[in-house]
Amino acid sequence: MFAHQLTALEHQLLFSGISQDESIRRFFWMWTMKEAYTKALGIGLGFDFSRVEYNVPQDILRVDGEIPKGWRFSKFEINEGDGLYQGVVAEFVGGEDITFVSGPNHDWLVRFDAVSFVERAIRDFKDSE
């Protein structure tokens, strides 16, 4: 199902003599990068993901073979119990550059467990009435 959404380079990067753990890690970076970019465009899963190529080792994103200008991609990982969660936020900021920001500490990143998230959403909804 996912294979046709990856480019030839991405297939190579996933199966080129690396460990299974590294292959899985790379796949999730590729997939979350594709989702973040297309959702930022307002298209989401309706976009042909094979048009977006993310070279994980070199941190290079291409769309239709070209590096998209004016984008910032903030990458983060969250360790929770035995799980590792990877995420990307894509923002069009304008300009001629493409920027990748990595790290665990982004001032905008706030973590909630499910219960506190729902409680906050209910409180915010009530406050807005």
N, C-alpha and C. Protein backbone atom coordinates (compact mmCIF):
# COMPACT_ATOMS: atom_id res chain seq x y z
N MET A 1 0.81 -1.19 0.00
CA MET A 1 0.00 0.00 0.00
C MET A 1 0.86 1.26 0.00
N PHE A 2 1.91 1.29 0.82
CA PHE A 2 2.75 2.48 0.92
C PHE A 2 3.83 2.52 -0.15
N ALA A 3 4.17 1.37 -0.70
CA ALA A 3 5.31 1.28 -1.61
C ALA A 3 5.19 2.22 -2.80
N HIS A 4 4.02 2.37 -3.38
CA HIS A 4 3.86 3.23 -4.55
C HIS A 4 3.87 4.72 -4.19
N GLN A 5 3.86 5.04 -2.90
CA GLN A 5 3.91 6.43 -2.46
C GLN A 5 5.35 6.90 -2.18
N LEU A 6 6.30 6.00 -2.36
CA LEU A 6 7.71 6.32 -2.15
C LEU A 6 8.43 6.41 -3.49
N THR A 7 9.46 7.23 -3.55
CA THR A 7 10.25 7.35 -4.77
C THR A 7 11.30 6.24 -4.81
N ALA A 8 11.96 6.11 -5.94
CA ALA A 8 13.03 5.11 -6.08
C ALA A 8 14.15 5.39 -5.08
N LEU A 9 14.51 6.66 -4.89
CA LEU A 9 15.54 7.00 -3.91
C LEU A 9 15.11 6.61 -2.51
N GLU A 10 13.86 6.89 -2.16
CA GLU A 10 13.38 6.54 -0.82
C GLU A 10 13.42 5.02 -0.61
N HIS A 11 13.03 4.25 -1.61
CA HIS A 11 13.14 2.78 -1.51
C HIS A 11 14.58 2.38 -1.26
N GLN A 12 15.50 2.98 -1.99
CA GLN A 12 16.92 2.67 -1.83
C GLN A 12 17.38 3.02 -0.41
N LEU A 13 16.97 4.16 0.10
CA LEU A 13 17.38 4.59 1.44
C LEU A 13 16.82 3.70 2.54
N LEU A 14 15.71 3.05 2.26
CA LEU A 14 15.10 2.16 3.25
C LEU A 14 15.71 0.77 3.27
N PHE A 15 16.24 0.34 2.13
CA PHE A 15 16.68 -1.06 2.02
C PHE A 15 18.13 -1.17 1.57
N SER A 16 18.96 -0.25 2.00
CA SER A 16 20.36 -0.23 1.53
C SER A 16 21.33 -0.66 2.63
N GLY A 17 21.13 -1.86 3.15
CA GLY A 17 22.08 -2.40 4.12
C GLY A 17 22.05 -1.73 5.48
N ILE A 18 20.89 -1.21 5.89
CA ILE A 18 20.77 -0.61 7.21
C ILE A 18 19.94 -1.54 8.09
N SER A 19 19.97 -1.30 9.37
CA SER A 19 19.22 -2.15 10.29
C SER A 19 17.71 -1.95 10.11
N GLN A 20 16.95 -2.91 10.57
CA GLN A 20 15.50 -2.80 10.49
C GLN A 20 15.00 -1.60 11.29
N ASP A 21 15.59 -1.35 12.45
CA ASP A 21 15.19 -0.19 13.26
C ASP A 21 15.44 1.11 12.52
N GLU A 22 16.60 1.22 11.85
CA GLU A 22 16.91 2.43 11.09
C GLU A 22 15.99 2.57 9.89
N SER A 23 15.65 1.47 9.26
CA SER A 23 14.74 1.50 8.12
C SER A 23 13.36 2.01 8.56
N ILE A 24 12.87 1.53 9.68
CA ILE A 24 11.58 1.97 10.20
C ILE A 24 11.64 3.45 10.57
N ARG A 25 12.71 3.87 11.22
CA ARG A 25 12.88 5.27 11.60
C ARG A 25 12.86 6.16 10.35
N ARG A 26 13.60 5.77 9.33
CA ARG A 26 13.63 6.55 8.09
C ARG A 26 12.26 6.62 7.43
N PHE A 27 11.56 5.46 7.40
CA PHE A 27 10.24 5.45 6.79
C PHE A 27 9.32 6.46 7.47
N PHE A 28 9.32 6.47 8.80
CA PHE A 28 8.44 7.41 9.50
C PHE A 28 8.83 8.86 9.26
N TRP A 29 10.13 9.16 9.14
CA TRP A 29 10.52 10.53 8.78
C TRP A 29 10.01 10.88 7.39
N MET A 30 10.16 9.95 6.46
CA MET A 30 9.68 10.20 5.09
C MET A 30 8.17 10.46 5.09
N TRP A 31 7.44 9.58 5.75
CA TRP A 31 5.99 9.68 5.72
C TRP A 31 5.49 10.93 6.44
N THR A 32 6.04 11.24 7.61
CA THR A 32 5.58 12.43 8.33
C THR A 32 5.96 13.70 7.59
N MET A 33 7.08 13.70 6.88
CA MET A 33 7.46 14.86 6.08
C MET A 33 6.47 15.07 4.94
N LYS A 34 6.10 13.99 4.26
CA LYS A 34 5.14 14.06 3.17
C LYS A 34 3.79 14.56 3.68
N GLU A 35 3.34 14.01 4.81
CA GLU A 35 2.06 14.43 5.38
C GLU A 35 2.09 15.89 5.80
N ALA A 36 3.14 16.30 6.47
CA ALA A 36 3.22 17.69 6.94
C ALA A 36 3.19 18.66 5.77
N TYR A 37 3.95 18.37 4.73
CA TYR A 37 4.00 19.27 3.57
C TYR A 37 2.65 19.36 2.88
N THR A 38 2.04 18.22 2.60
CA THR A 38 0.79 18.24 1.86
C THR A 38 -0.36 18.80 2.70
N LYS A 39 -0.35 18.57 4.00
CA LYS A 39 -1.37 19.17 4.86
C LYS A 39 -1.19 20.68 4.94
N ALA A 40 0.05 21.15 4.96
CA ALA A 40 0.29 22.59 4.97
C ALA A 40 -0.20 23.24 3.68
N LEU A 41 -0.19 22.48 2.59
CA LEU A 41 -0.74 22.98 1.33
C LEU A 41 -2.26 22.97 1.34
N GLY A 42 -2.85 22.28 2.33
CA GLY A 42 -4.30 22.17 2.40
C GLY A 42 -4.83 21.00 1.60
N ILE A 43 -3.96 20.09 1.20
CA ILE A 43 -4.35 18.98 0.35
C ILE A 43 -4.40 17.67 1.14
N GLY A 44 -3.40 17.42 1.96
CA GLY A 44 -3.35 16.20 2.75
C GLY A 44 -3.20 14.95 1.91
N LEU A 45 -3.96 13.93 2.25
CA LEU A 45 -3.79 12.62 1.62
C LEU A 45 -4.28 12.57 0.17
N GLY A 46 -4.90 13.62 -0.33
CA GLY A 46 -5.32 13.64 -1.72
C GLY A 46 -4.18 13.90 -2.68
N PHE A 47 -3.02 14.21 -2.18
CA PHE A 47 -1.83 14.52 -2.97
C PHE A 47 -1.07 13.23 -3.26
N ASP A 48 -0.50 13.11 -4.43
CA ASP A 48 0.31 11.94 -4.78
C ASP A 48 1.64 12.04 -4.03
N PHE A 49 1.77 11.28 -2.96
CA PHE A 49 2.96 11.36 -2.11
C PHE A 49 4.25 11.03 -2.85
N SER A 50 4.17 10.29 -3.94
CA SER A 50 5.40 9.96 -4.67
C SER A 50 6.00 11.20 -5.33
N ARG A 51 5.28 12.31 -5.37
CA ARG A 51 5.81 13.57 -5.90
C ARG A 51 6.71 14.26 -4.88
N VAL A 52 6.62 13.85 -3.60
CA VAL A 52 7.42 14.43 -2.53
C VAL A 52 8.47 13.40 -2.14
N GLU A 53 9.73 13.82 -2.17
CA GLU A 53 10.84 12.90 -1.85
C GLU A 53 11.65 13.50 -0.72
N TYR A 54 11.82 12.70 0.35
CA TYR A 54 12.62 13.17 1.49
C TYR A 54 13.82 12.26 1.66
N ASN A 55 15.00 12.83 1.47
CA ASN A 55 16.27 12.13 1.66
C ASN A 55 16.65 12.31 3.12
N VAL A 56 16.36 11.32 3.93
CA VAL A 56 16.56 11.42 5.38
C VAL A 56 18.02 11.67 5.75
N PRO A 57 18.98 10.87 5.25
CA PRO A 57 20.37 11.09 5.67
C PRO A 57 20.90 12.49 5.32
N GLN A 58 20.48 13.04 4.18
CA GLN A 58 20.98 14.35 3.76
C GLN A 58 20.05 15.49 4.15
N ASP A 59 18.88 15.17 4.71
CA ASP A 59 17.90 16.18 5.12
C ASP A 59 17.54 17.10 3.95
N ILE A 60 17.16 16.48 2.83
CA ILE A 60 16.79 17.23 1.63
C ILE A 60 15.38 16.81 1.21
N LEU A 61 14.53 17.79 0.99
CA LEU A 61 13.18 17.54 0.51
C LEU A 61 13.06 18.08 -0.91
N ARG A 62 12.46 17.28 -1.77
CA ARG A 62 12.19 17.71 -3.14
C ARG A 62 10.73 17.44 -3.47
N VAL A 63 10.14 18.34 -4.21
CA VAL A 63 8.78 18.17 -4.71
C VAL A 63 8.85 18.27 -6.22
N ASP A 64 8.41 17.24 -6.91
CA ASP A 64 8.52 17.18 -8.36
C ASP A 64 9.96 17.44 -8.81
N GLY A 65 10.93 16.93 -8.02
CA GLY A 65 12.35 17.05 -8.37
C GLY A 65 13.01 18.35 -7.97
N GLU A 66 12.25 19.29 -7.44
CA GLU A 66 12.79 20.61 -7.07
C GLU A 66 12.68 20.83 -5.56
N ILE A 67 13.66 21.54 -5.01
CA ILE A 67 13.60 21.92 -3.59
C ILE A 67 12.62 23.08 -3.46
N PRO A 68 11.56 22.92 -2.67
CA PRO A 68 10.58 24.00 -2.54
C PRO A 68 11.15 25.15 -1.70
N LYS A 69 11.07 26.34 -2.22
CA LYS A 69 11.63 27.51 -1.52
C LYS A 69 10.60 28.12 -0.59
N GLY A 70 11.09 28.68 0.51
CA GLY A 70 10.24 29.40 1.42
C GLY A 70 9.58 28.56 2.51
N TRP A 71 10.06 27.34 2.70
CA TRP A 71 9.46 26.45 3.68
C TRP A 71 10.37 26.22 4.87
N ARG A 72 9.75 26.06 6.04
CA ARG A 72 10.47 25.66 7.26
C ARG A 72 9.81 24.37 7.76
N PHE A 73 10.63 23.37 8.02
CA PHE A 73 10.16 22.08 8.52
C PHE A 73 10.77 21.86 9.90
N SER A 74 9.93 21.82 10.91
CA SER A 74 10.39 21.60 12.29
C SER A 74 10.14 20.14 12.63
N LYS A 75 11.23 19.43 12.86
CA LYS A 75 11.18 18.00 13.14
C LYS A 75 11.36 17.78 14.64
N PHE A 76 10.61 16.84 15.19
CA PHE A 76 10.76 16.55 16.61
C PHE A 76 10.48 15.08 16.88
N GLU A 77 11.03 14.61 17.99
CA GLU A 77 10.80 13.25 18.46
C GLU A 77 10.36 13.32 19.90
N ILE A 78 9.42 12.46 20.26
CA ILE A 78 8.96 12.37 21.64
C ILE A 78 9.10 10.93 22.08
N ASN A 79 9.84 10.72 23.16
CA ASN A 79 9.93 9.39 23.77
C ASN A 79 8.87 9.31 24.85
N GLU A 80 8.01 8.32 24.75
CA GLU A 80 6.94 8.13 25.71
C GLU A 80 6.87 6.66 26.05
N GLY A 81 7.30 6.32 27.25
CA GLY A 81 7.33 4.91 27.63
C GLY A 81 8.26 4.15 26.72
N ASP A 82 7.75 3.09 26.10
CA ASP A 82 8.54 2.30 25.16
C ASP A 82 8.43 2.82 23.74
N GLY A 83 7.64 3.86 23.52
CA GLY A 83 7.40 4.35 22.17
C GLY A 83 8.22 5.58 21.83
N LEU A 84 8.53 5.68 20.55
CA LEU A 84 9.19 6.86 20.00
C LEU A 84 8.26 7.42 18.94
N TYR A 85 7.92 8.68 19.07
CA TYR A 85 7.00 9.33 18.14
C TYR A 85 7.75 10.42 17.39
N GLN A 86 7.59 10.44 16.08
CA GLN A 86 8.26 11.43 15.25
C GLN A 86 7.21 12.33 14.64
N GLY A 87 7.53 13.61 14.55
CA GLY A 87 6.58 14.55 13.98
C GLY A 87 7.29 15.63 13.20
N VAL A 88 6.55 16.25 12.29
CA VAL A 88 7.06 17.35 11.48
C VAL A 88 5.96 18.40 11.37
N VAL A 89 6.35 19.65 11.53
CA VAL A 89 5.45 20.77 11.28
C VAL A 89 6.01 21.51 10.08
N ALA A 90 5.18 21.67 9.04
CA ALA A 90 5.59 22.38 7.83
C ALA A 90 4.93 23.75 7.81
N GLU A 91 5.74 24.77 7.53
CA GLU A 91 5.21 26.13 7.46
C GLU A 91 5.80 26.83 6.25
N PHE A 92 4.94 27.49 5.49
CA PHE A 92 5.44 28.34 4.42
C PHE A 92 5.75 29.69 5.04
N VAL A 93 7.02 30.08 5.01
CA VAL A 93 7.46 31.33 5.64
C VAL A 93 7.93 32.34 4.60
N GLY A 94 7.98 31.94 3.35
CA GLY A 94 8.42 32.83 2.28
C GLY A 94 9.93 32.88 2.16
N GLY A 95 10.41 33.52 1.16
CA GLY A 95 11.84 33.64 0.96
C GLY A 95 12.38 32.62 -0.01
N GLU A 96 13.69 32.59 -0.10
CA GLU A 96 14.37 31.74 -1.08
C GLU A 96 14.93 30.46 -0.49
N ASP A 97 14.87 30.30 0.82
CA ASP A 97 15.51 29.16 1.46
C ASP A 97 14.48 28.12 1.88
N ILE A 98 15.00 26.94 2.16
CA ILE A 98 14.24 25.88 2.82
C ILE A 98 15.01 25.58 4.10
N THR A 99 14.31 25.46 5.21
CA THR A 99 14.96 25.30 6.50
C THR A 99 14.44 24.06 7.20
N PHE A 100 15.35 23.31 7.80
CA PHE A 100 14.98 22.17 8.63
C PHE A 100 15.45 22.47 10.05
N VAL A 101 14.56 22.39 10.99
CA VAL A 101 14.87 22.62 12.39
C VAL A 101 14.60 21.32 13.12
N SER A 102 15.62 20.79 13.79
CA SER A 102 15.46 19.53 14.51
C SER A 102 15.76 19.74 15.97
N GLY A 103 15.15 18.93 16.79
CA GLY A 103 15.48 18.98 18.20
C GLY A 103 14.29 18.66 19.06
N PRO A 104 14.55 18.36 20.31
CA PRO A 104 13.47 17.98 21.21
C PRO A 104 12.70 19.17 21.77
N ASN A 105 13.31 20.34 21.76
CA ASN A 105 12.71 21.47 22.46
C ASN A 105 12.31 22.58 21.49
N HIS A 106 11.05 22.59 21.12
CA HIS A 106 10.48 23.67 20.35
C HIS A 106 9.54 24.39 21.31
N ASP A 107 9.62 25.71 21.39
CA ASP A 107 8.80 26.43 22.37
C ASP A 107 7.30 26.29 22.10
N TRP A 108 6.91 25.94 20.89
CA TRP A 108 5.50 25.79 20.55
C TRP A 108 4.97 24.39 20.80
N LEU A 109 5.86 23.45 21.08
CA LEU A 109 5.45 22.05 21.25
C LEU A 109 5.01 21.81 22.69
N VAL A 110 3.74 21.48 22.85
CA VAL A 110 3.18 21.20 24.16
C VAL A 110 2.60 19.80 24.14
N ARG A 111 2.99 19.00 25.11
CA ARG A 111 2.52 17.61 25.17
C ARG A 111 1.39 17.49 26.18
N PHE A 112 0.36 16.76 25.80
CA PHE A 112 -0.76 16.46 26.68
C PHE A 112 -1.05 14.97 26.60
N ASP A 113 -1.47 14.38 27.72
CA ASP A 113 -2.03 13.04 27.61
C ASP A 113 -3.48 13.21 27.17
N ALA A 114 -4.13 12.14 26.79
CA ALA A 114 -5.47 12.23 26.20
C ALA A 114 -6.48 12.87 27.16
N VAL A 115 -6.43 12.50 28.44
CA VAL A 115 -7.40 13.03 29.40
C VAL A 115 -7.22 14.53 29.57
N SER A 116 -6.00 14.99 29.80
CA SER A 116 -5.80 16.42 30.00
C SER A 116 -6.09 17.22 28.73
N PHE A 117 -5.86 16.62 27.56
CA PHE A 117 -6.18 17.29 26.30
C PHE A 117 -7.69 17.52 26.18
N VAL A 118 -8.48 16.47 26.46
CA VAL A 118 -9.93 16.59 26.37
C VAL A 118 -10.44 17.56 27.43
N GLU A 119 -9.91 17.48 28.64
CA GLU A 119 -10.33 18.42 29.69
C GLU A 119 -10.05 19.86 29.28
N ARG A 120 -8.89 20.11 28.70
CA ARG A 120 -8.55 21.47 28.26
C ARG A 120 -9.46 21.92 27.11
N ALA A 121 -9.75 21.02 26.18
CA ALA A 121 -10.63 21.36 25.07
C ALA A 121 -12.02 21.72 25.58
N ILE A 122 -12.55 20.98 26.53
CA ILE A 122 -13.86 21.27 27.10
C ILE A 122 -13.84 22.61 27.82
N ARG A 123 -12.81 22.85 28.61
CA ARG A 123 -12.68 24.12 29.34
C ARG A 123 -12.59 25.29 28.36
N ASP A 124 -11.77 25.15 27.31
CA ASP A 124 -11.64 26.23 26.32
C ASP A 124 -12.96 26.47 25.60
N PHE A 125 -13.69 25.39 25.31
CA PHE A 125 -14.98 25.53 24.63
C PHE A 125 -15.96 26.29 25.52
N LYS A 126 -16.01 25.90 26.80
CA LYS A 126 -16.92 26.57 27.74
C LYS A 126 -16.54 28.03 27.90
N ASP A 127 -15.26 28.32 27.94
CA ASP A 127 -14.79 29.71 28.09
C ASP A 127 -15.15 30.56 26.87
N SER A 128 -15.30 29.93 25.73
CA SER A 128 -15.60 30.68 24.50
C SER A 128 -17.09 30.95 24.32
N GLU A 129 -17.93 30.29 25.12
CA GLU A 129 -19.39 30.48 24.98
C GLU A 129 -19.84 31.81 25.53
